[in-house]
Amino acid sequence: MLVGVIIADSWLAEAACVLGCRVGMIPFMYLGLPIGGEPRRLSFWEPVVNRIRSRLNVWKSRFLSFGGRLVLLKSVLTSLSVYALSFFKAPSVGKTVCMRKEAGGLGVRKLREFNEALLGKWCWRALVDKTGLWYRVLAARYGEHVGRVREGGRHGSTWWREIVRLRDAEGAEGEMGWFAAGVERRVGNGVDTFFWIDLWLGGIPLSVRFRRLFDLSQHKLKTVAEMRDFGWGSGGAAWLWRRQLWVWEEEMVVECRGLLSNIVLQNTGADKWVWWHDPGGGYTVRGAYNLLTRTDMVVEDDPTDLIWHKQVPTKVSILAWRLLRNRLPTKDNLVRRHVITPDAHFCVTGCGEVETAQHLFLSCSVFAPLWSSLRAWIGIYSADPLLLRDHCVQFSHSSGDLRARRSFLQLLWLCSVWVVWQERNNRLFKAKESTVHQLLEKIKVHSLWWMKAYNKHICHNSHMWWSSPLVCLSIA
């Protein structure tokens, strides 16, 4: 395919005929990416969205649990779009489910932050891979200034302008952006490090910390090695100014010399860039994404650390996640969403009360005795709180601070919630009822299955499990 830029169509057609290829138009697809388009327009991302939609539509008629849907969503979003997001800045929106699990979300990646983390990899490569062909092409096209490729102005590539904006972005209150604040120049011989401009001393470029001195200096583009050779001590030639300094400016020079007093250059060592958040490993997309989403780590009332358990199926943890946020389709919520009429909001057990999550799992006269029976089985007795959040926390910590016990009780609480919700649905949709004793037996069986799926050597004595699970697990 032959594509012309500012070329007559007749000449382009003749050239295509001679070369034996067809005439193409901008934008066109190359390696799955639209070349020549405008990534800030939603239409630019239609091919990516269509691929994601086609993958999800295949499962539209399948009976997937919420856990299965979450796994599918993560797989599709993080595999199909990562290639495009690593090259172009994309518009995106944020949702609660995109928050970390520790912060109360479902752990789905935030596309905006993930996109920036991927683009940040290009910023990092522009610092450490200056011998690469791609960098030399950019340097020849746009030119270099103080060791960095220029933006290129309005005639520059849209992709490169976005990379430069990310590289040179400023944070709140005029501070450095997240990428600029995360890189640091580790000085060896000082030959390749600019004294004023690079971040190599004190966590901030000297041109920013001593802005006045930088404006007056006649050595703006000198390296650390050159300034050392000039002499940065008192009266040294490194301090050459455009005019005589005022008294307060002289005080700034004294402060700057104080920072340099302990600096010793290593003539045998080369300068190198270091990613401040991981000095040994360097820049990684995972680390940058965690840095960008660190603001999600807020303290919440929900016991989010108790919802996710490695031995519990994902669909059960998501059920608990929805339960603690009152997002289950209980009858009171269905009335609120205008799915059923208000006169049909009574509990499925026939107790006569309104079916709310709080009532169904804690105070219903049919299901509430299950918690007493469960405590009697494990040999732990305590009062049940009135709120679901408090109930989850108290039940999981009711046997002390021993980690193994807490993990087991956490698993039992999640299993109990799952069994109660399954029983509710069986009564509503299948007209089948189970007694409290039968529900307790289901909890025993499910919990043993889950633990054996993770560790097949656990609990060889099934009779002991049915009578005393803590003794069976050697955590009594």
Protein backbone atom coordinates (compact mmCIF):
# COMPACT_ATOMS: atom_id res chain seq x y z
CA MET A 1 0.00 0.00 0.00
CA LEU A 2 1.30 3.45 -0.99
CA VAL A 3 0.20 6.49 1.00
CA GLY A 4 1.01 10.04 -0.07
CA VAL A 5 1.31 13.17 2.03
CA ILE A 6 0.82 16.48 0.16
CA ILE A 7 1.22 14.66 -3.17
CA ALA A 8 -1.01 14.94 -6.24
CA ASP A 9 -3.41 12.02 -6.65
CA SER A 10 -2.41 11.51 -10.30
CA TRP A 11 1.28 11.14 -9.43
CA LEU A 12 0.43 8.83 -6.53
CA ALA A 13 -1.71 6.62 -8.79
CA GLU A 14 1.09 6.34 -11.36
CA ALA A 15 3.64 5.48 -8.69
CA ALA A 16 1.34 2.80 -7.24
CA CYS A 17 0.88 1.32 -10.72
CA VAL A 18 4.64 1.15 -11.28
CA LEU A 19 5.29 -0.39 -7.89
CA GLY A 20 2.41 -2.81 -8.23
CA CYS A 21 0.59 -1.79 -5.06
CA ARG A 22 -2.66 -0.07 -4.18
CA VAL A 23 -3.21 3.52 -3.08
CA GLY A 24 -4.05 3.96 0.58
CA MET A 25 -5.51 6.81 2.60
CA ILE A 26 -4.78 8.30 6.01
CA PRO A 27 -5.58 7.04 8.58
CA PHE A 28 -4.67 3.42 7.84
CA MET A 29 -4.08 0.39 10.04
CA TYR A 30 -0.52 -0.82 10.63
CA LEU A 31 0.27 -3.56 13.16
CA GLY A 32 -3.18 -3.05 14.66
CA LEU A 33 -2.77 0.71 15.19
CA PRO A 34 -4.41 3.50 13.16
CA ILE A 35 -1.62 5.58 11.66
CA GLY A 36 -2.28 9.25 10.96
CA GLY A 37 -5.41 9.56 13.09
CA GLU A 38 -6.18 11.83 16.03
CA PRO A 39 -6.03 9.81 19.28
CA ARG A 40 -7.91 12.52 21.16
CA ARG A 41 -11.04 11.74 19.14
CA LEU A 42 -13.26 8.87 20.23
CA SER A 43 -13.55 7.66 16.64
CA PHE A 44 -9.81 6.90 16.70
CA TRP A 45 -10.43 4.20 19.33
CA GLU A 46 -13.38 2.56 17.61
CA PRO A 47 -11.27 -0.40 16.30
CA VAL A 48 -10.09 -1.16 19.85
CA VAL A 49 -13.59 -0.78 21.29
CA ASN A 50 -15.02 -2.99 18.55
CA ARG A 51 -12.48 -5.73 19.29
CA ILE A 52 -13.33 -5.58 22.99
CA ARG A 53 -17.06 -5.62 22.20
CA SER A 54 -16.69 -8.61 19.88
CA ARG A 55 -14.88 -10.59 22.58
CA LEU A 56 -17.51 -9.76 25.20
CA ASN A 57 -20.48 -10.39 22.88
CA VAL A 58 -19.44 -14.02 22.53
CA TRP A 59 -20.24 -14.50 26.21
CA LYS A 60 -23.46 -12.50 26.21
CA SER A 61 -25.70 -15.57 26.29
CA ARG A 62 -23.57 -17.53 28.73
CA PHE A 63 -24.53 -17.87 32.39
CA LEU A 64 -21.49 -16.30 33.98
CA SER A 65 -21.29 -15.44 37.65
CA PHE A 66 -20.10 -12.02 38.72
CA GLY A 67 -16.73 -13.59 39.44
CA GLY A 68 -16.57 -14.97 35.91
CA ARG A 69 -17.57 -11.62 34.47
CA LEU A 70 -14.85 -9.90 36.46
CA VAL A 71 -12.19 -12.33 35.23
CA LEU A 72 -13.41 -11.93 31.63
CA LEU A 73 -13.47 -8.13 31.91
CA LYS A 74 -9.93 -7.99 33.31
CA SER A 75 -8.65 -10.37 30.64
CA VAL A 76 -10.20 -8.47 27.73
CA LEU A 77 -9.37 -4.95 28.95
CA THR A 78 -5.76 -5.71 29.82
CA SER A 79 -4.91 -7.81 26.76
CA LEU A 80 -6.63 -6.22 23.76
CA SER A 81 -6.04 -2.57 24.63
CA VAL A 82 -2.53 -2.68 26.10
CA TYR A 83 -0.85 -2.46 22.68
CA ALA A 84 -2.73 0.68 21.67
CA LEU A 85 -2.47 2.26 25.12
CA SER A 86 1.31 1.86 25.07
CA PHE A 87 1.52 4.22 22.07
CA PHE A 88 -1.33 6.75 22.32
CA LYS A 89 -2.94 8.84 25.02
CA ALA A 90 -6.55 7.73 25.32
CA PRO A 91 -9.65 9.40 26.82
CA SER A 92 -11.10 7.36 29.65
CA VAL A 93 -13.49 7.38 32.59
CA GLY A 94 -13.10 6.06 36.12
CA LYS A 95 -15.45 3.85 38.17
CA THR A 96 -15.58 2.46 41.68
CA VAL A 97 -14.84 -1.06 40.43
CA CYS A 98 -11.50 0.25 39.11
CA MET A 99 -10.25 0.98 42.61
CA ARG A 100 -7.87 -1.43 44.24
CA LYS A 101 -9.31 -4.27 46.30
CA GLU A 102 -7.63 -2.83 49.38
CA ALA A 103 -9.51 0.42 48.78
CA GLY A 104 -12.92 -1.21 48.31
CA GLY A 105 -12.90 -1.80 44.55
CA LEU A 106 -12.72 -4.91 42.40
CA GLY A 107 -9.20 -4.37 41.12
CA VAL A 108 -10.07 -3.63 37.48
CA ARG A 109 -7.33 -1.50 36.01
CA LYS A 110 -7.97 2.19 35.57
CA LEU A 111 -7.38 2.77 31.88
CA ARG A 112 -6.27 6.39 32.27
CA GLU A 113 -3.57 5.61 34.83
CA PHE A 114 -2.58 2.42 33.02
CA ASN A 115 -2.29 4.41 29.79
CA GLU A 116 0.01 6.96 31.46
CA ALA A 117 2.13 4.21 32.99
CA LEU A 118 2.61 2.63 29.55
CA LEU A 119 3.49 5.98 27.96
CA GLY A 120 5.89 6.64 30.82
CA LYS A 121 7.92 3.68 29.58
CA TRP A 122 8.74 5.72 26.45
CA CYS A 123 9.86 8.64 28.62
CA TRP A 124 12.14 6.28 30.51
CA ARG A 125 13.55 4.76 27.33
CA ALA A 126 14.24 8.25 26.00
CA LEU A 127 16.57 8.69 28.99
CA VAL A 128 18.36 5.34 29.06
CA ASP A 129 18.29 4.21 25.40
CA LYS A 130 19.75 7.13 23.49
CA THR A 131 21.70 4.85 21.19
CA GLY A 132 18.53 3.20 19.88
CA LEU A 133 17.47 3.81 16.29
CA TRP A 134 14.06 5.15 17.33
CA TYR A 135 15.68 7.79 19.56
CA ARG A 136 18.17 8.83 16.89
CA VAL A 137 15.31 9.28 14.41
CA LEU A 138 13.44 11.52 16.86
CA ALA A 139 16.60 13.52 17.66
CA ALA A 140 17.27 14.04 13.94
CA ARG A 141 13.66 15.07 13.34
CA TYR A 142 13.09 17.44 16.26
CA GLY A 143 16.56 18.22 17.59
CA GLU A 144 17.98 17.95 21.11
CA HIS A 145 18.27 20.45 23.94
CA VAL A 146 20.19 19.74 27.16
CA GLY A 147 20.17 16.04 26.36
CA ARG A 148 16.46 15.73 25.59
CA VAL A 149 14.52 15.63 22.33
CA ARG A 150 12.49 18.77 21.67
CA GLU A 151 8.71 18.67 21.40
CA GLY A 152 8.57 19.70 17.76
CA GLY A 153 5.79 22.28 18.10
CA ARG A 154 2.56 22.11 16.11
CA HIS A 155 4.24 20.20 13.31
CA GLY A 156 5.43 17.45 15.59
CA SER A 157 3.93 13.99 15.88
CA THR A 158 0.83 13.77 18.07
CA TRP A 159 2.31 10.71 19.72
CA TRP A 160 5.60 12.44 20.54
CA ARG A 161 3.86 15.57 21.82
CA GLU A 162 1.93 13.44 24.31
CA ILE A 163 5.16 11.78 25.45
CA VAL A 164 6.82 15.18 25.94
CA ARG A 165 3.80 16.50 27.87
CA LEU A 166 4.03 13.53 30.18
CA ARG A 167 7.79 13.94 30.53
CA ASP A 168 7.67 17.67 31.26
CA ALA A 169 4.28 17.81 33.02
CA GLU A 170 3.90 19.78 36.21
CA GLY A 171 1.96 18.57 39.23
CA ALA A 172 -0.15 20.50 41.69
CA GLU A 173 1.08 23.91 42.85
CA GLY A 174 3.77 24.06 40.17
CA GLU A 175 5.61 20.97 41.40
CA MET A 176 7.17 18.42 39.08
CA GLY A 177 4.94 15.85 37.44
CA TRP A 178 4.89 12.25 38.63
CA PHE A 179 7.45 11.07 36.06
CA ALA A 180 9.90 13.95 36.47
CA ALA A 181 9.72 13.58 40.25
CA GLY A 182 10.40 9.84 39.98
CA VAL A 183 13.66 9.99 38.00
CA GLU A 184 17.01 10.96 39.43
CA ARG A 185 20.48 11.27 37.96
CA ARG A 186 23.06 9.23 39.82
CA VAL A 187 26.35 10.96 39.18
CA GLY A 188 29.56 9.04 38.53
CA ASN A 189 32.13 11.13 36.67
CA GLY A 190 29.61 13.92 36.02
CA VAL A 191 30.40 14.11 32.28
CA ASP A 192 26.85 13.45 31.04
CA THR A 193 24.89 15.27 33.77
CA PHE A 194 23.88 18.92 33.42
CA PHE A 195 24.69 20.83 36.58
CA TRP A 196 21.65 23.11 36.70
CA ILE A 197 18.96 21.25 34.77
CA ASP A 198 19.20 17.55 35.68
CA LEU A 199 17.82 16.23 38.94
CA TRP A 200 20.94 14.92 40.62
CA LEU A 201 21.21 16.67 43.99
CA GLY A 202 18.73 17.34 46.77
CA GLY A 203 15.68 15.80 45.10
CA ILE A 204 15.00 18.82 42.87
CA PRO A 205 16.90 20.39 39.95
CA LEU A 206 19.19 23.21 41.04
CA SER A 207 17.60 25.41 38.37
CA VAL A 208 14.33 25.10 40.27
CA ARG A 209 15.69 25.32 43.79
CA PHE A 210 17.92 28.28 42.95
CA ARG A 211 15.93 29.82 40.15
CA ARG A 212 17.45 33.26 40.59
CA LEU A 213 21.01 31.97 40.37
CA PHE A 214 20.19 29.90 37.30
CA ASP A 215 18.79 32.97 35.51
CA LEU A 216 21.97 34.93 36.29
CA SER A 217 24.48 32.17 35.57
CA GLN A 218 26.62 32.20 32.43
CA HIS A 219 27.12 28.43 32.73
CA LYS A 220 23.54 27.27 32.26
CA LEU A 221 24.41 24.29 30.05
CA LYS A 222 27.58 23.13 31.77
CA THR A 223 27.91 19.61 33.12
CA VAL A 224 28.72 18.64 36.68
CA ALA A 225 32.26 17.67 35.68
CA GLU A 226 32.84 21.02 33.96
CA MET A 227 31.55 22.98 36.95
CA ARG A 228 33.80 20.92 39.24
CA ASP A 229 36.77 21.68 37.00
CA PHE A 230 35.91 25.39 37.02
CA GLY A 231 35.85 25.22 40.79
CA TRP A 232 32.60 25.41 42.76
CA GLY A 233 34.23 26.42 46.00
CA SER A 234 34.33 29.96 47.33
CA GLY A 235 35.58 32.27 44.59
CA GLY A 236 35.59 29.47 42.01
CA ALA A 237 35.15 30.19 38.30
CA ALA A 238 31.97 28.10 38.25
CA TRP A 239 30.11 31.06 39.78
CA LEU A 240 30.21 33.40 36.82
CA TRP A 241 27.27 35.81 36.72
CA ARG A 242 25.82 38.29 34.24
CA ARG A 243 25.99 41.00 36.88
CA GLN A 244 27.13 41.54 40.45
CA LEU A 245 24.96 39.67 42.97
CA TRP A 246 22.94 41.26 45.72
CA VAL A 247 23.50 40.24 49.34
CA TRP A 248 20.50 37.87 49.45
CA GLU A 249 21.67 36.29 46.20
CA GLU A 250 25.12 35.73 47.70
CA GLU A 251 23.39 33.88 50.54
CA MET A 252 21.81 31.55 47.99
CA VAL A 253 25.29 30.87 46.54
CA VAL A 254 26.54 29.95 50.01
CA GLU A 255 23.61 27.55 50.43
CA CYS A 256 24.30 25.97 47.04
CA ARG A 257 27.99 25.53 47.86
CA GLY A 258 26.95 23.84 51.10
CA LEU A 259 25.08 21.20 49.12
CA LEU A 260 28.16 20.62 46.96
CA SER A 261 30.64 20.42 49.81
CA ASN A 262 30.35 16.63 50.20
CA ILE A 263 30.11 15.77 46.49
CA VAL A 264 32.99 13.62 45.22
CA LEU A 265 32.97 12.54 41.57
CA GLN A 266 34.12 9.08 40.53
CA ASN A 267 36.30 9.37 37.47
CA THR A 268 35.86 5.67 36.59
CA GLY A 269 32.08 5.54 36.96
CA ALA A 270 29.52 6.70 34.37
CA ASP A 271 26.43 8.73 35.12
CA LYS A 272 23.12 6.87 34.97
CA TRP A 273 19.41 7.47 35.43
CA VAL A 274 17.65 5.88 38.39
CA TRP A 275 13.93 5.35 38.95
CA TRP A 276 13.57 6.68 42.47
CA HIS A 277 10.70 4.33 43.40
CA ASP A 278 12.76 1.24 42.48
CA PRO A 279 16.47 2.17 42.31
CA GLY A 280 17.58 -1.39 41.69
CA GLY A 281 15.04 -2.53 39.12
CA GLY A 282 14.37 0.67 37.19
CA TYR A 283 11.10 1.84 35.69
CA THR A 284 8.29 -0.71 35.36
CA VAL A 285 4.72 -0.24 34.17
CA ARG A 286 3.41 -2.07 37.23
CA GLY A 287 5.34 0.19 39.60
CA ALA A 288 4.25 3.35 37.80
CA TYR A 289 0.61 2.23 37.82
CA ASN A 290 0.77 1.55 41.56
CA LEU A 291 2.27 5.00 42.01
CA LEU A 292 -0.52 6.68 40.02
CA THR A 293 -3.27 4.81 41.86
CA ARG A 294 -1.78 5.27 45.30
CA THR A 295 -4.43 7.90 46.09
CA ASP A 296 -6.99 5.06 46.07
CA MET A 297 -5.48 3.71 49.26
CA VAL A 298 -7.93 5.32 51.64
CA VAL A 299 -9.21 3.96 54.92
CA GLU A 300 -12.80 2.80 54.65
CA ASP A 301 -15.30 1.38 57.09
CA ASP A 302 -15.75 -1.76 54.96
CA PRO A 303 -13.65 -4.76 56.04
CA THR A 304 -12.19 -4.99 52.56
CA ASP A 305 -9.18 -7.01 53.72
CA LEU A 306 -11.55 -9.75 54.91
CA ILE A 307 -13.55 -10.06 51.69
CA TRP A 308 -10.74 -11.45 49.53
CA HIS A 309 -9.50 -14.86 50.62
CA LYS A 310 -7.15 -17.03 48.59
CA GLN A 311 -9.10 -20.22 49.38
CA VAL A 312 -12.51 -18.76 48.54
CA PRO A 313 -13.89 -18.67 44.96
CA THR A 314 -13.89 -15.23 43.38
CA LYS A 315 -17.67 -15.28 42.89
CA VAL A 316 -18.13 -15.66 46.67
CA SER A 317 -15.84 -12.74 47.44
CA ILE A 318 -17.71 -10.58 44.94
CA LEU A 319 -21.00 -11.58 46.58
CA ALA A 320 -19.60 -10.33 49.89
CA TRP A 321 -18.33 -7.17 48.17
CA ARG A 322 -21.83 -6.46 46.85
CA LEU A 323 -23.40 -7.36 50.19
CA LEU A 324 -21.33 -4.90 52.22
CA ARG A 325 -22.27 -2.15 49.75
CA ASN A 326 -25.97 -3.07 49.71
CA ARG A 327 -25.84 -3.91 46.00
CA LEU A 328 -27.39 -7.35 46.09
CA PRO A 329 -30.80 -7.70 44.37
CA THR A 330 -32.71 -8.02 47.62
CA LYS A 331 -36.38 -7.15 47.38
CA ASP A 332 -36.01 -3.70 48.92
CA ASN A 333 -33.38 -2.87 46.31
CA LEU A 334 -35.58 -4.29 43.55
CA VAL A 335 -38.40 -2.03 44.70
CA ARG A 336 -36.04 0.94 44.69
CA ARG A 337 -35.04 0.08 41.11
CA HIS A 338 -38.71 -0.30 40.10
CA VAL A 339 -38.23 -3.97 39.22
CA ILE A 340 -41.01 -5.23 41.51
CA THR A 341 -43.97 -3.51 43.12
CA PRO A 342 -43.76 -2.26 46.73
CA ASP A 343 -46.29 -4.83 47.95
CA ALA A 344 -43.90 -7.66 46.94
CA HIS A 345 -40.98 -6.61 49.15
CA PHE A 346 -41.53 -9.12 51.96
CA CYS A 347 -38.89 -11.64 53.00
CA VAL A 348 -38.80 -14.86 51.01
CA THR A 349 -38.93 -16.93 54.23
CA GLY A 350 -42.45 -15.72 55.00
CA CYS A 351 -41.49 -14.05 58.28
CA GLY A 352 -43.46 -10.93 57.29
CA GLU A 353 -40.57 -8.48 57.41
CA VAL A 354 -39.18 -6.40 54.54
CA GLU A 355 -36.36 -8.23 52.80
CA THR A 356 -33.26 -6.11 53.25
CA ALA A 357 -29.70 -7.35 53.30
CA GLN A 358 -29.48 -6.56 57.00
CA HIS A 359 -32.65 -8.52 57.76
CA LEU A 360 -31.95 -11.48 55.47
CA PHE A 361 -28.46 -12.27 56.75
CA LEU A 362 -28.67 -11.22 60.41
CA SER A 363 -32.14 -10.76 61.88
CA CYS A 364 -34.46 -13.06 59.92
CA SER A 365 -36.12 -15.56 62.26
CA VAL A 366 -35.31 -18.38 59.79
CA PHE A 367 -31.66 -17.61 58.97
CA ALA A 368 -30.46 -15.87 62.17
CA PRO A 369 -30.20 -19.15 64.17
CA LEU A 370 -27.66 -20.36 61.62
CA TRP A 371 -24.98 -18.11 63.12
CA SER A 372 -25.55 -19.59 66.60
CA SER A 373 -25.31 -23.10 65.20
CA LEU A 374 -22.14 -22.17 63.33
CA ARG A 375 -20.54 -20.78 66.48
CA ALA A 376 -21.49 -23.90 68.41
CA TRP A 377 -19.83 -26.06 65.75
CA ILE A 378 -16.50 -24.25 66.00
CA GLY A 379 -16.79 -23.78 69.78
CA ILE A 380 -16.76 -19.98 69.87
CA TYR A 381 -19.58 -18.00 71.48
CA SER A 382 -20.26 -14.27 71.26
CA ALA A 383 -23.09 -11.86 70.51
CA ASP A 384 -23.89 -10.97 66.90
CA PRO A 385 -23.60 -7.25 65.98
CA LEU A 386 -26.50 -5.55 64.24
CA LEU A 387 -24.52 -4.26 61.23
CA LEU A 388 -23.11 -6.47 58.50
CA ARG A 389 -19.73 -4.73 58.47
CA ASP A 390 -19.33 -5.13 62.22
CA HIS A 391 -20.57 -8.71 62.02
CA CYS A 392 -17.91 -9.62 59.45
CA VAL A 393 -15.09 -8.07 61.47
CA GLN A 394 -16.19 -9.46 64.85
CA PHE A 395 -16.80 -12.98 63.56
CA SER A 396 -13.41 -13.11 61.81
CA HIS A 397 -11.58 -11.92 64.94
CA SER A 398 -13.67 -13.75 67.54
CA SER A 399 -10.99 -16.37 68.25
CA GLY A 400 -8.08 -14.03 68.93
CA ASP A 401 -5.23 -12.74 66.80
CA LEU A 402 -3.84 -16.10 65.65
CA ARG A 403 -3.52 -15.70 61.88
CA ALA A 404 -4.58 -19.26 61.00
CA ARG A 405 -7.73 -19.01 63.09
CA ARG A 406 -8.62 -15.62 61.69
CA SER A 407 -8.19 -16.91 58.15
CA PHE A 408 -10.41 -19.93 58.84
CA LEU A 409 -13.16 -17.83 60.44
CA GLN A 410 -12.98 -15.40 57.55
CA LEU A 411 -13.53 -18.34 55.17
CA LEU A 412 -16.47 -19.57 57.26
CA TRP A 413 -18.14 -16.14 57.23
CA LEU A 414 -17.88 -15.91 53.46
CA CYS A 415 -19.14 -19.48 53.09
CA SER A 416 -22.11 -18.77 55.36
CA VAL A 417 -23.06 -15.68 53.38
CA TRP A 418 -22.87 -17.71 50.17
CA VAL A 419 -25.03 -20.53 51.57
CA VAL A 420 -27.68 -18.12 52.89
CA TRP A 421 -27.91 -16.31 49.55
CA GLN A 422 -28.15 -19.62 47.67
CA GLU A 423 -30.92 -20.75 50.00
CA ARG A 424 -32.76 -17.48 49.49
CA ASN A 425 -32.64 -17.97 45.70
CA ASN A 426 -33.72 -21.61 46.00
CA ARG A 427 -36.77 -20.59 47.99
CA LEU A 428 -37.62 -17.77 45.60
CA PHE A 429 -37.03 -19.44 42.24
CA LYS A 430 -37.19 -23.20 42.88
CA ALA A 431 -39.61 -23.40 45.83
CA LYS A 432 -37.10 -25.56 47.73
CA GLU A 433 -36.44 -25.12 51.45
CA SER A 434 -33.67 -26.34 53.74
CA THR A 435 -33.54 -26.42 57.52
CA VAL A 436 -30.91 -24.64 59.58
CA HIS A 437 -29.22 -28.00 60.22
CA GLN A 438 -29.05 -28.68 56.48
CA LEU A 439 -27.60 -25.21 55.84
CA LEU A 440 -24.94 -25.85 58.48
CA GLU A 441 -24.05 -29.12 56.76
CA LYS A 442 -23.66 -27.24 53.47
CA ILE A 443 -21.29 -24.79 55.16
CA LYS A 444 -19.21 -27.67 56.50
CA VAL A 445 -19.03 -29.35 53.09
CA HIS A 446 -18.31 -26.18 51.09
CA SER A 447 -15.64 -24.93 53.49
CA LEU A 448 -13.90 -28.34 53.45
CA TRP A 449 -14.01 -28.44 49.64
CA TRP A 450 -12.53 -24.97 49.34
CA MET A 451 -9.71 -25.75 51.75
CA LYS A 452 -8.94 -29.09 50.12
CA ALA A 453 -8.86 -27.43 46.68
CA TYR A 454 -6.04 -25.23 47.97
CA ASN A 455 -4.29 -27.92 50.02
CA LYS A 456 -5.25 -31.52 49.28
CA HIS A 457 -3.37 -32.83 52.34
CA ILE A 458 -5.49 -30.87 54.78
CA CYS A 459 -7.86 -32.62 57.18
CA HIS A 460 -7.40 -36.38 56.67
CA ASN A 461 -9.96 -37.16 59.42
CA SER A 462 -13.40 -36.17 58.10
CA HIS A 463 -15.17 -37.29 61.28
CA MET A 464 -12.99 -34.92 63.27
CA TRP A 465 -13.89 -32.10 60.86
CA TRP A 466 -17.62 -32.61 61.44
CA SER A 467 -17.21 -32.51 65.23
CA SER A 468 -14.29 -30.14 65.89
CA PRO A 469 -12.80 -28.29 62.90
CA LEU A 470 -10.28 -26.26 64.92
CA VAL A 471 -8.78 -29.45 66.36
CA CYS A 472 -8.78 -31.02 62.89
CA LEU A 473 -6.81 -28.05 61.51
CA SER A 474 -4.48 -28.04 64.56
CA ILE A 475 -5.40 -24.44 65.40
CA ALA A 476 -7.50 -25.12 68.51
